[in-house]
Every structure is written in structure tokens, then in C-alpha cells.
């Protein structure tokens, strides 16, 4: 599904429209080396600010602030998985809204 909100070079889409509460899996066309660039672009186009960036052996764990809601943006290199997680599950409507920005309806 094409995305009218984000630039096509980012190529972020929702991986599964039946996501769990507080968790939004993303399809991401990136690599370990390119993730920081792509993640910054995603944050910019969502209007989110980057609060912190942590890097592990095979995991990027970034904290974003989206209109007062804290989110984790996580990329796992071995499985090439990327997802957004809420800090507080009671803010699910924010994640649902982000899903519409990325291009799919809940």
C-alpha cells in the first residue's frame, strides 16, 4: 500500500493490521547502517521528537515523543524487525492515529 504522508524513500508500512495492544509492527526497507537515517526521517515526518537513542549488539532502541506520548522505536538487526511500542498501553489511540499516518486504517 502506498503512503501519501511519508516520502516514498522511507518505505515504512504496517506489517500486520491486527497488531497487539500497544505494539505496531512495521515493514521497513533499511539496514543496520541506514536505520538511524531512516528513523530520523520517520520521526520528522510524524512530527515526533527523538528523546533518546540506545544501541545494543543487534538492537536500536529509540524513545520518541509524539504529541506528549512516549513511544519506543525498535529495530532488531538479526530478524530485520522494526516496531513501535507505547510506554503506556492506555494511550492506544495515539498508536492507532500513527497507523493512519503511516498509511493503514485500524
C-alpha atoms as a PDB file:
ATOM      1  CA  UNK A   1       0.000   0.000   0.000  1.00  0.00           C
ATOM      2  CA  UNK A   2       1.444   3.369  -0.928  1.00  0.00           C
ATOM      3  CA  UNK A   3       1.780   6.016   1.676  1.00  0.00           C
ATOM      4  CA  UNK A   4       0.806   9.612   0.934  1.00  0.00           C
ATOM      5  CA  UNK A   5       2.081  11.016   4.225  1.00  0.00           C
ATOM      6  CA  UNK A   6       5.686   9.862   4.275  1.00  0.00           C
ATOM      7  CA  UNK A   7       8.201  10.306   1.465  1.00  0.00           C
ATOM      8  CA  UNK A   8       8.457   7.197  -0.677  1.00  0.00           C
ATOM      9  CA  UNK A   9      12.181   6.837   0.052  1.00  0.00           C
ATOM     10  CA  UNK A  10      11.370   5.862   3.649  1.00  0.00           C
ATOM     11  CA  UNK A  11       9.244   2.873   2.702  1.00  0.00           C
ATOM     12  CA  UNK A  12       7.700   2.317   6.145  1.00  0.00           C
ATOM     13  CA  UNK A  13       4.424   0.401   6.152  1.00  0.00           C
ATOM     14  CA  UNK A  14       2.484  -1.504   8.764  1.00  0.00           C
ATOM     15  CA  UNK A  15       3.459  -5.169   8.812  1.00  0.00           C
ATOM     16  CA  UNK A  16       0.222  -6.508  10.270  1.00  0.00           C
ATOM     17  CA  UNK A  17      -3.074  -4.668  10.618  1.00  0.00           C
ATOM     18  CA  UNK A  18      -4.078  -6.952  13.517  1.00  0.00           C
ATOM     19  CA  UNK A  19      -1.387  -5.696  15.860  1.00  0.00           C
ATOM     20  CA  UNK A  20      -1.424  -6.175  19.603  1.00  0.00           C
ATOM     21  CA  UNK A  21      -2.447  -3.502  22.041  1.00  0.00           C
ATOM     22  CA  UNK A  22       0.472  -1.111  22.477  1.00  0.00           C
ATOM     23  CA  UNK A  23       2.574  -2.594  19.669  1.00  0.00           C
ATOM     24  CA  UNK A  24       2.735  -1.656  15.983  1.00  0.00           C
ATOM     25  CA  UNK A  25       4.970  -3.833  13.758  1.00  0.00           C
ATOM     26  CA  UNK A  26       6.418  -2.056  10.735  1.00  0.00           C
ATOM     27  CA  UNK A  27       7.783  -3.225   7.415  1.00  0.00           C
ATOM     28  CA  UNK A  28      10.992  -1.322   6.953  1.00  0.00           C
ATOM     29  CA  UNK A  29      13.248  -1.193   3.931  1.00  0.00           C
ATOM     30  CA  UNK A  30      16.521  -0.394   5.680  1.00  0.00           C
ATOM     31  CA  UNK A  31      19.688  -1.914   7.035  1.00  0.00           C
ATOM     32  CA  UNK A  32      21.589  -1.704  10.301  1.00  0.00           C
ATOM     33  CA  UNK A  33      23.757   1.077   8.882  1.00  0.00           C
ATOM     34  CA  UNK A  34      20.843   3.059   7.405  1.00  0.00           C
ATOM     35  CA  UNK A  35      18.383   2.737  10.277  1.00  0.00           C
ATOM     36  CA  UNK A  36      19.438   5.951  12.082  1.00  0.00           C
ATOM     37  CA  UNK A  37      18.877   8.000   8.926  1.00  0.00           C
ATOM     38  CA  UNK A  38      15.521   6.363   8.170  1.00  0.00           C
ATOM     39  CA  UNK A  39      14.375   6.590  11.802  1.00  0.00           C
ATOM     40  CA  UNK A  40      15.179  10.310  11.932  1.00  0.00           C
ATOM     41  CA  UNK A  41      13.173  10.840   8.743  1.00  0.00           C
ATOM     42  CA  UNK A  42      10.233   8.867  10.141  1.00  0.00           C
ATOM     43  CA  UNK A  43      10.302  10.892  13.361  1.00  0.00           C
ATOM     44  CA  UNK A  44      10.478  14.126  11.396  1.00  0.00           C
ATOM     45  CA  UNK A  45       7.542  13.282   9.167  1.00  0.00           C
ATOM     46  CA  UNK A  46       5.434  12.088  12.089  1.00  0.00           C
ATOM     47  CA  UNK A  47       6.221  15.304  13.924  1.00  0.00           C
ATOM     48  CA  UNK A  48       7.849  13.349  16.754  1.00  0.00           C
ATOM     49  CA  UNK A  49      10.971  14.334  18.629  1.00  0.00           C
ATOM     50  CA  UNK A  50      13.776  11.937  19.454  1.00  0.00           C
ATOM     51  CA  UNK A  51      14.230  11.777  23.223  1.00  0.00           C
ATOM     52  CA  UNK A  52      16.962   9.141  23.396  1.00  0.00           C
ATOM     53  CA  UNK A  53      18.887   6.693  21.222  1.00  0.00           C
ATOM     54  CA  UNK A  54      20.338   3.450  22.526  1.00  0.00           C
ATOM     55  CA  UNK A  55      22.308   0.919  20.520  1.00  0.00           C
ATOM     56  CA  UNK A  56      22.961  -2.666  21.572  1.00  0.00           C
ATOM     57  CA  UNK A  57      24.758  -5.514  19.853  1.00  0.00           C
ATOM     58  CA  UNK A  58      21.915  -6.055  17.386  1.00  0.00           C
ATOM     59  CA  UNK A  59      19.209  -3.650  18.558  1.00  0.00           C
ATOM     60  CA  UNK A  60      18.380   0.008  18.128  1.00  0.00           C
ATOM     61  CA  UNK A  61      16.054   1.299  20.853  1.00  0.00           C
ATOM     62  CA  UNK A  62      14.960   4.885  20.406  1.00  0.00           C
ATOM     63  CA  UNK A  63      12.485   6.786  22.539  1.00  0.00           C
ATOM     64  CA  UNK A  64      10.259   9.228  20.665  1.00  0.00           C
ATOM     65  CA  UNK A  65       7.828  11.838  21.911  1.00  0.00           C
ATOM     66  CA  UNK A  66       4.730  12.160  19.753  1.00  0.00           C
ATOM     67  CA  UNK A  67       2.447  14.949  20.964  1.00  0.00           C
ATOM     68  CA  UNK A  68       3.227  14.154  24.606  1.00  0.00           C
ATOM     69  CA  UNK A  69       3.107  10.360  24.234  1.00  0.00           C
ATOM     70  CA  UNK A  70       6.323   8.374  24.670  1.00  0.00           C
ATOM     71  CA  UNK A  71       6.977   5.636  22.125  1.00  0.00           C
ATOM     72  CA  UNK A  72       9.786   3.157  21.634  1.00  0.00           C
ATOM     73  CA  UNK A  73      11.008   2.740  18.071  1.00  0.00           C
ATOM     74  CA  UNK A  74      12.888  -0.544  17.956  1.00  0.00           C
ATOM     75  CA  UNK A  75      14.883  -2.183  15.167  1.00  0.00           C
ATOM     76  CA  UNK A  76      16.281  -5.682  15.643  1.00  0.00           C
ATOM     77  CA  UNK A  77      19.037  -6.486  13.158  1.00  0.00           C
ATOM     78  CA  UNK A  78      19.075 -10.298  13.234  1.00  0.00           C
ATOM     79  CA  UNK A  79      15.392 -10.594  12.299  1.00  0.00           C
ATOM     80  CA  UNK A  80      15.313  -7.248  10.455  1.00  0.00           C
ATOM     81  CA  UNK A  81      12.226  -6.395  12.553  1.00  0.00           C
ATOM     82  CA  UNK A  82      11.024  -2.912  13.366  1.00  0.00           C
ATOM     83  CA  UNK A  83       8.164  -1.818  15.598  1.00  0.00           C
ATOM     84  CA  UNK A  84       6.697   0.976  17.646  1.00  0.00           C
ATOM     85  CA  UNK A  85       5.690   0.356  21.262  1.00  0.00           C
ATOM     86  CA  UNK A  86       3.799   2.569  23.667  1.00  0.00           C
ATOM     87  CA  UNK A  87       5.318   3.359  27.041  1.00  0.00           C
ATOM     88  CA  UNK A  88       1.767   3.278  28.474  1.00  0.00           C
ATOM     89  CA  UNK A  89      -0.809   0.910  26.947  1.00  0.00           C
ATOM     90  CA  UNK A  90      -3.700   3.215  27.886  1.00  0.00           C
ATOM     91  CA  UNK A  91      -2.562   5.545  25.052  1.00  0.00           C
ATOM     92  CA  UNK A  92      -3.542   3.089  22.286  1.00  0.00           C
ATOM     93  CA  UNK A  93      -5.457   5.782  20.371  1.00  0.00           C
ATOM     94  CA  UNK A  94      -2.140   7.534  19.689  1.00  0.00           C
ATOM     95  CA  UNK A  95      -0.689   4.387  18.126  1.00  0.00           C
ATOM     96  CA  UNK A  96      -3.894   3.943  16.106  1.00  0.00           C
ATOM     97  CA  UNK A  97      -3.519   7.521  14.843  1.00  0.00           C
ATOM     98  CA  UNK A  98       0.113   6.923  13.891  1.00  0.00           C
ATOM     99  CA  UNK A  99      -1.021   3.844  11.956  1.00  0.00           C
ATOM    100  CA  UNK A 100      -3.296   6.061   9.859  1.00  0.00           C
ATOM    101  CA  UNK A 101      -0.398   8.461   9.235  1.00  0.00           C
ATOM    102  CA  UNK A 102       1.780   5.607   8.035  1.00  0.00           C
ATOM    103  CA  UNK A 103      -0.901   4.502   5.631  1.00  0.00           C
ATOM    104  CA  UNK A 104      -3.244   1.831   7.026  1.00  0.00           C
ATOM    105  CA  UNK A 105      -6.503   2.151   8.914  1.00  0.00           C
ATOM    106  CA  UNK A 106      -7.039   0.255  12.155  1.00  0.00           C
END
